[in-house]
Each structure stands twice: as structure tokens, then as C-alpha cells.
Amino acid sequence: MSCGLDTYYYLDAPFSDGHTTYASTDDPTSFYFSCVTNETSSTGDNYKYFDTSSDFVFLGTEIYYKIYNNYNTMISAESQISSLITSSSSYSSAAENIIDTRGYKTLKISTGTFSPLIKNGDSPKNRYIYIRLNDLATDSTGTYGAAICVGNDSENIILKSYSAASALKYNGTIVKPRRYINSSYGFNFSSKDSSNPVPSSSDADITYSSSSTESGVWYIDMYAISVGRDSSYTLSYSKPLLLGSVKISQSDYE
């Protein structure tokens, strides 16, 4: 997708590593998001856009999320987005719907900033991405902690959280996922923790329904999208990849 120009650049979407998380499941250890960046010639054409001197450059893979307090509203959004993704008549409509219409926001990090979150490397190389938004409250070992990890193989690196060699770093510092509205805000939602405040109906990263599915329970939906930029700095996007959804309960952190 390209905004405001007659020239369109078609990017290949990130692809699944075989794992999709579902908020409807009962196993919180599976509440992590994962995918593979699409950069090599064997999986698509994004590799053609690594030449920084060309008119169009592949920038990397961006992560978009939205918080819901109503499960059915989230599932309805996923269904409508899925219809746009599979449509052969409008390549750009799904990304436009996620970003512009529904207001999904980019995931931020605890220190510094990356745009997109997973930037392209010096050369095309597919990489595995693992993201856990919140600390698993019932885990006493610290294994299942909030983390963003990027690796070169399918090892379940998200489970190594903070000390993982593959943890995403900014200027050498390991970073953790943070909300778009404030890079100090985490996802361990609690009315007792100012660093992890409960989402408000006015927050830009929430679709708030007057009727919540369950009091104190929040659902987070997430997509991955390949991003490129032309010489006029106009962004283009691939079709989105649904990474799934997770359920976060305030009662786990209060």
C-alpha cells in the first residue's frame, strides 16, 4: 500500500512460525505473539528493496496492537480484517483498515524508539520475532516475563525473557514492550501500579465498549506488517499477518 501516490509498491507480509495465540484459551504460558520477518528471496520479493540508493526501501516489520474490553468486539474486528486480507480486489485495504480506520497503534519499547519495531538489517535475512506483553503472574521463576526477542531460528526464545541473548536491545539495553500512549506504561494492568495503569476509555490504544465481557479483563489483538518507504518518504505496507490475541486480568496484578 502506498498513500497519496499513483505508484504502488507491493510488499510481502511477515509469515507465521506456526504459533497463533488465542485469548479464548486457558493456558497463559501460550500468551505470546510470534512470526517470521519476510526478507529473503526464498520467501518473497522484499529482498529487492534493501538497496538504500533505490527509489523504494524495505524498512522492516512493524507491530500493531489494540486493547479491547469486549471479546466479541475484538473477534468481529478480526473477522472483518480477515475478509479484507483475503480480498483480491484491494491490496491495501486491510492495512488501511487496521491503521487508519480502527486506530491500531504501534508497540513501543521501554527505552528509546525503533520505527518500525523490527528494523531491516544490512542484508535480507528472515528473523523470528517473539513478544510477551505481560509478566505471567503465576510464574515464580521469572521465566515467563514481558519481553521482545528476535532470533535466527525457531527456538522458543520468548521463554528466556530478560537475559536472552536474542532479547531486543536499544543501545545495548534490553527493552520490554510498552504501550503506544506512554513508553513508561506496561501491560501488567493494575489500579495499584502507576507504571501499569488500567486502560481508560479515552486512551488512544483502546476500543472501549460500554458493556465489557468481564470486569477487569482486557483483550489485546496484534498484527505484524512489512513496511517500506519511497524517495518522497511515503510509507507502503504489506497485507497484515494476524498474530492473535491475549487476555490480561487485573486480578492477577492486584
Protein backbone atom coordinates (compact mmCIF):
# COMPACT_ATOMS: atom_id res chain seq x y z
CA MET A 1 0.00 0.00 0.00
CA SER A 2 1.20 3.48 -0.81
CA CYS A 3 -0.56 6.61 0.47
CA GLY A 4 -1.12 9.62 -1.77
CA LEU A 5 0.79 8.45 -4.84
CA ASP A 6 -0.10 6.76 -8.11
CA THR A 7 2.86 4.40 -7.74
CA TYR A 8 2.24 1.34 -5.57
CA TYR A 9 4.92 -0.91 -4.11
CA TYR A 10 3.79 -4.37 -3.12
CA LEU A 11 5.43 -5.81 -0.04
CA ASP A 12 5.20 -9.41 1.13
CA ALA A 13 3.71 -9.84 4.59
CA PRO A 14 5.53 -11.46 7.51
CA PHE A 15 4.57 -15.11 7.86
CA SER A 16 3.58 -17.42 10.68
CA ASP A 17 6.06 -19.58 12.56
CA GLY A 18 3.22 -21.97 13.32
CA HIS A 19 2.05 -20.31 16.54
CA THR A 20 -1.05 -18.13 16.92
CA THR A 21 -2.19 -17.12 20.39
CA TYR A 22 -5.88 -17.08 21.30
CA ALA A 23 -7.41 -15.14 24.18
CA SER A 24 -10.04 -17.86 24.46
CA THR A 25 -7.50 -20.45 25.61
CA ASP A 26 -6.84 -21.23 29.27
CA ASP A 27 -3.06 -21.62 29.13
CA PRO A 28 -1.38 -18.25 29.83
CA THR A 29 2.05 -19.72 29.04
CA SER A 30 0.95 -19.70 25.38
CA PHE A 31 0.09 -15.98 25.56
CA TYR A 32 2.93 -14.78 23.39
CA PHE A 33 2.96 -13.42 19.85
CA SER A 34 5.37 -14.70 17.22
CA CYS A 35 6.08 -14.59 13.50
CA VAL A 36 8.89 -14.55 10.95
CA THR A 37 10.02 -11.47 9.02
CA ASN A 38 9.79 -11.83 5.25
CA GLU A 39 13.10 -10.69 3.79
CA THR A 40 14.88 -13.43 1.85
CA SER A 41 14.41 -14.30 -1.82
CA SER A 42 13.12 -17.77 -0.90
CA THR A 43 10.01 -16.37 0.81
CA GLY A 44 9.12 -13.25 -1.16
CA ASP A 45 10.29 -10.16 -3.03
CA ASN A 46 11.05 -7.81 -0.13
CA TYR A 47 14.75 -8.60 -0.58
CA LYS A 48 14.71 -6.45 -3.71
CA TYR A 49 14.19 -3.34 -1.59
CA PHE A 50 17.33 -3.45 0.56
CA ASP A 51 19.32 -1.08 -1.67
CA THR A 52 19.23 2.25 0.21
CA SER A 53 20.04 4.13 -3.00
CA SER A 54 16.91 2.87 -4.79
CA ASP A 55 13.59 4.70 -5.07
CA PHE A 56 11.96 2.31 -2.60
CA VAL A 57 13.45 0.77 0.55
CA PHE A 58 12.26 -2.03 2.83
CA LEU A 59 12.32 -0.63 6.38
CA GLY A 60 11.38 -3.68 8.43
CA THR A 61 8.45 -5.20 10.27
CA GLU A 62 6.03 -3.16 12.36
CA ILE A 63 3.81 -4.45 15.15
CA TYR A 64 0.32 -3.03 15.63
CA TYR A 65 -1.97 -3.71 18.59
CA LYS A 66 -5.32 -2.68 20.05
CA ILE A 67 -6.81 -3.18 23.51
CA TYR A 68 -10.46 -4.23 23.85
CA ASN A 69 -12.70 -4.68 26.89
CA ASN A 70 -15.25 -6.68 24.90
CA TYR A 71 -14.13 -10.01 23.45
CA ASN A 72 -16.84 -10.20 20.79
CA THR A 73 -16.00 -6.72 19.52
CA MET A 74 -12.39 -7.84 19.03
CA ILE A 75 -13.42 -11.05 17.26
CA SER A 76 -15.73 -9.07 14.98
CA ALA A 77 -12.85 -6.75 14.08
CA GLU A 78 -10.59 -9.72 13.35
CA SER A 79 -13.25 -11.22 11.07
CA GLN A 80 -13.72 -8.02 9.09
CA ILE A 81 -9.96 -7.50 8.76
CA SER A 82 -9.58 -11.12 7.64
CA SER A 83 -12.09 -10.52 4.85
CA LEU A 84 -10.05 -7.55 3.67
CA ILE A 85 -6.81 -9.53 3.83
CA THR A 86 -8.20 -12.28 1.61
CA SER A 87 -9.77 -9.84 -0.84
CA SER A 88 -8.10 -9.90 -4.23
CA SER A 89 -9.60 -6.56 -5.26
CA SER A 90 -7.98 -4.27 -2.68
CA TYR A 91 -4.39 -4.97 -1.71
CA SER A 92 -4.11 -2.01 0.65
CA SER A 93 -7.50 -2.09 2.34
CA ALA A 94 -6.59 -4.36 5.27
CA ALA A 95 -3.62 -2.29 6.42
CA GLU A 96 -5.59 0.92 5.93
CA ASN A 97 -8.43 -0.51 7.99
CA ILE A 98 -6.12 -1.50 10.84
CA ILE A 99 -4.11 1.72 10.95
CA ASP A 100 -6.48 4.45 9.81
CA THR A 101 -10.00 3.17 10.43
CA ARG A 102 -9.61 1.09 13.58
CA GLY A 103 -6.69 3.02 15.04
CA TYR A 104 -4.41 0.12 15.93
CA LYS A 105 -1.20 1.52 17.41
CA THR A 106 2.46 0.62 17.11
CA LEU A 107 4.03 -1.22 20.02
CA LYS A 108 6.60 0.86 21.88
CA ILE A 109 9.64 -0.09 23.94
CA SER A 110 10.82 0.80 27.44
CA THR A 111 13.97 2.63 26.32
CA GLY A 112 14.48 4.58 23.09
CA THR A 113 12.44 4.02 19.97
CA PHE A 114 12.52 1.88 16.83
CA SER A 115 10.41 2.61 13.75
CA PRO A 116 9.46 0.08 12.62
CA LEU A 117 9.90 -2.05 15.74
CA ILE A 118 11.94 -4.72 13.93
CA LYS A 119 14.22 -2.76 11.62
CA ASN A 120 15.76 -4.23 8.49
CA GLY A 121 19.32 -5.48 8.70
CA ASP A 122 22.30 -4.82 6.44
CA SER A 123 21.18 -7.67 4.20
CA PRO A 124 17.96 -9.68 3.71
CA LYS A 125 17.60 -12.26 6.48
CA ASN A 126 14.43 -13.78 7.84
CA ARG A 127 14.22 -13.49 11.64
CA TYR A 128 11.91 -14.96 14.26
CA ILE A 129 10.06 -12.47 16.46
CA TYR A 130 8.67 -13.31 19.91
CA ILE A 131 6.71 -10.89 22.07
CA ARG A 132 5.20 -11.38 25.50
CA LEU A 133 3.36 -8.27 26.66
CA ASN A 134 2.87 -9.04 30.34
CA ASP A 135 4.59 -10.95 33.12
CA LEU A 136 2.86 -14.23 33.88
CA ALA A 137 1.71 -13.50 37.42
CA THR A 138 1.55 -17.15 38.48
CA ASP A 139 5.15 -17.86 37.49
CA SER A 140 7.60 -17.73 40.41
CA THR A 141 10.73 -18.33 38.33
CA GLY A 142 10.55 -15.22 36.18
CA THR A 143 10.76 -17.36 33.06
CA TYR A 144 7.56 -16.06 31.53
CA GLY A 145 8.33 -12.36 31.63
CA ALA A 146 7.39 -9.49 29.35
CA ALA A 147 9.94 -9.44 26.53
CA ILE A 148 10.67 -8.80 22.88
CA CYS A 149 13.11 -11.24 21.32
CA VAL A 150 14.49 -11.52 17.79
CA GLY A 151 16.37 -14.64 16.72
CA ASN A 152 17.66 -16.51 13.70
CA ASP A 153 15.98 -19.83 14.45
CA SER A 154 12.72 -21.18 15.81
CA GLU A 155 13.97 -21.69 19.37
CA ASN A 156 11.27 -20.55 21.80
CA ILE A 157 13.39 -17.61 22.94
CA ILE A 158 10.48 -15.75 24.48
CA LEU A 159 10.71 -18.07 27.45
CA LYS A 160 14.21 -16.77 28.27
CA SER A 161 12.87 -13.25 28.71
CA TYR A 162 15.21 -10.68 30.23
CA SER A 163 18.56 -12.47 29.98
CA ALA A 164 18.13 -13.85 26.47
CA ALA A 165 20.99 -13.08 24.11
CA SER A 166 18.33 -12.56 21.49
CA ALA A 167 16.35 -10.01 23.52
CA LEU A 168 15.75 -6.80 21.58
CA LYS A 169 18.16 -4.09 22.69
CA TYR A 170 18.40 -0.33 22.28
CA ASN A 171 21.99 0.94 22.54
CA GLY A 172 22.90 -2.26 24.38
CA THR A 173 19.99 -2.10 26.85
CA ILE A 174 17.37 -4.85 26.84
CA VAL A 175 13.94 -3.36 26.17
CA LYS A 176 10.46 -4.53 27.08
CA PRO A 177 7.13 -3.90 25.36
CA ARG A 178 5.30 -0.71 26.30
CA ARG A 179 2.04 0.98 25.32
CA TYR A 180 1.79 3.50 22.50
CA ILE A 181 0.27 6.20 24.70
CA ASN A 182 3.22 6.25 27.10
CA SER A 183 6.50 4.34 26.78
CA SER A 184 6.57 4.03 30.59
CA TYR A 185 3.31 2.07 30.66
CA GLY A 186 3.47 -1.71 30.72
CA PHE A 187 0.76 -4.33 30.27
CA ASN A 188 0.56 -5.74 33.84
CA PHE A 189 -2.70 -3.85 34.26
CA SER A 190 -3.37 -2.81 37.86
CA SER A 191 -5.20 0.01 39.60
CA LYS A 192 -2.43 -0.06 42.21
CA ASP A 193 0.55 0.36 39.87
CA SER A 194 1.12 3.71 38.14
CA SER A 195 3.60 2.06 35.75
CA ASN A 196 0.91 -0.35 34.55
CA PRO A 197 -2.32 1.67 34.70
CA VAL A 198 -5.66 0.14 33.83
CA PRO A 199 -6.72 1.19 30.31
CA SER A 200 -9.10 4.14 30.16
CA SER A 201 -11.96 4.62 27.71
CA SER A 202 -10.19 7.74 26.40
CA ASP A 203 -6.86 6.02 25.68
CA ALA A 204 -5.87 6.09 22.01
CA ASP A 205 -4.89 2.40 22.04
CA ILE A 206 -8.25 1.02 23.20
CA THR A 207 -11.57 0.26 21.56
CA TYR A 208 -13.87 0.68 24.54
CA SER A 209 -17.33 -0.82 24.75
CA SER A 210 -19.97 0.30 27.24
CA SER A 211 -20.53 -3.36 28.01
CA SER A 212 -17.38 -5.26 28.94
CA THR A 213 -17.17 -9.03 28.57
CA GLU A 214 -15.82 -9.39 32.10
CA SER A 215 -14.99 -6.71 34.63
CA GLY A 216 -11.26 -6.11 34.94
CA VAL A 217 -10.40 -8.27 31.92
CA TRP A 218 -8.74 -6.87 28.80
CA TYR A 219 -8.11 -8.41 25.38
CA ILE A 220 -5.20 -7.37 23.17
CA ASP A 221 -5.21 -8.02 19.44
CA MET A 222 -1.98 -7.84 17.42
CA TYR A 223 -0.81 -7.78 13.78
CA ALA A 224 2.57 -7.70 12.02
CA ILE A 225 3.05 -5.71 8.80
CA SER A 226 6.03 -5.25 6.47
CA VAL A 227 6.85 -1.58 5.90
CA GLY A 228 8.69 0.24 3.09
CA ARG A 229 9.31 3.85 2.07
CA ASP A 230 9.80 5.58 -1.26
CA SER A 231 12.08 8.52 -2.10
CA SER A 232 9.42 11.03 -1.03
CA TYR A 233 9.18 9.30 2.39
CA THR A 234 5.72 7.93 1.67
CA LEU A 235 5.17 4.65 3.50
CA SER A 236 3.84 1.47 1.94
CA TYR A 237 2.54 -1.58 3.81
CA SER A 238 2.06 -5.27 3.17
CA LYS A 239 -1.08 -7.16 3.96
CA PRO A 240 -1.25 -7.73 7.73
CA LEU A 241 -0.50 -11.00 9.50
CA LEU A 242 -2.73 -11.74 12.47
CA LEU A 243 -0.53 -12.74 15.41
CA GLY A 244 -3.51 -13.45 17.64
CA SER A 245 -4.87 -12.14 20.90
CA VAL A 246 -4.21 -12.45 24.63
CA LYS A 247 -6.31 -11.93 27.75
CA ILE A 248 -4.96 -9.91 30.68
CA SER A 249 -6.79 -9.83 34.02
CA GLN A 250 -6.28 -7.04 36.54
CA SER A 251 -6.85 -9.51 39.37
CA ASP A 252 -3.52 -11.16 38.56
CA TYR A 253 -1.64 -7.96 39.49
CA GLU A 254 -3.67 -6.58 42.39
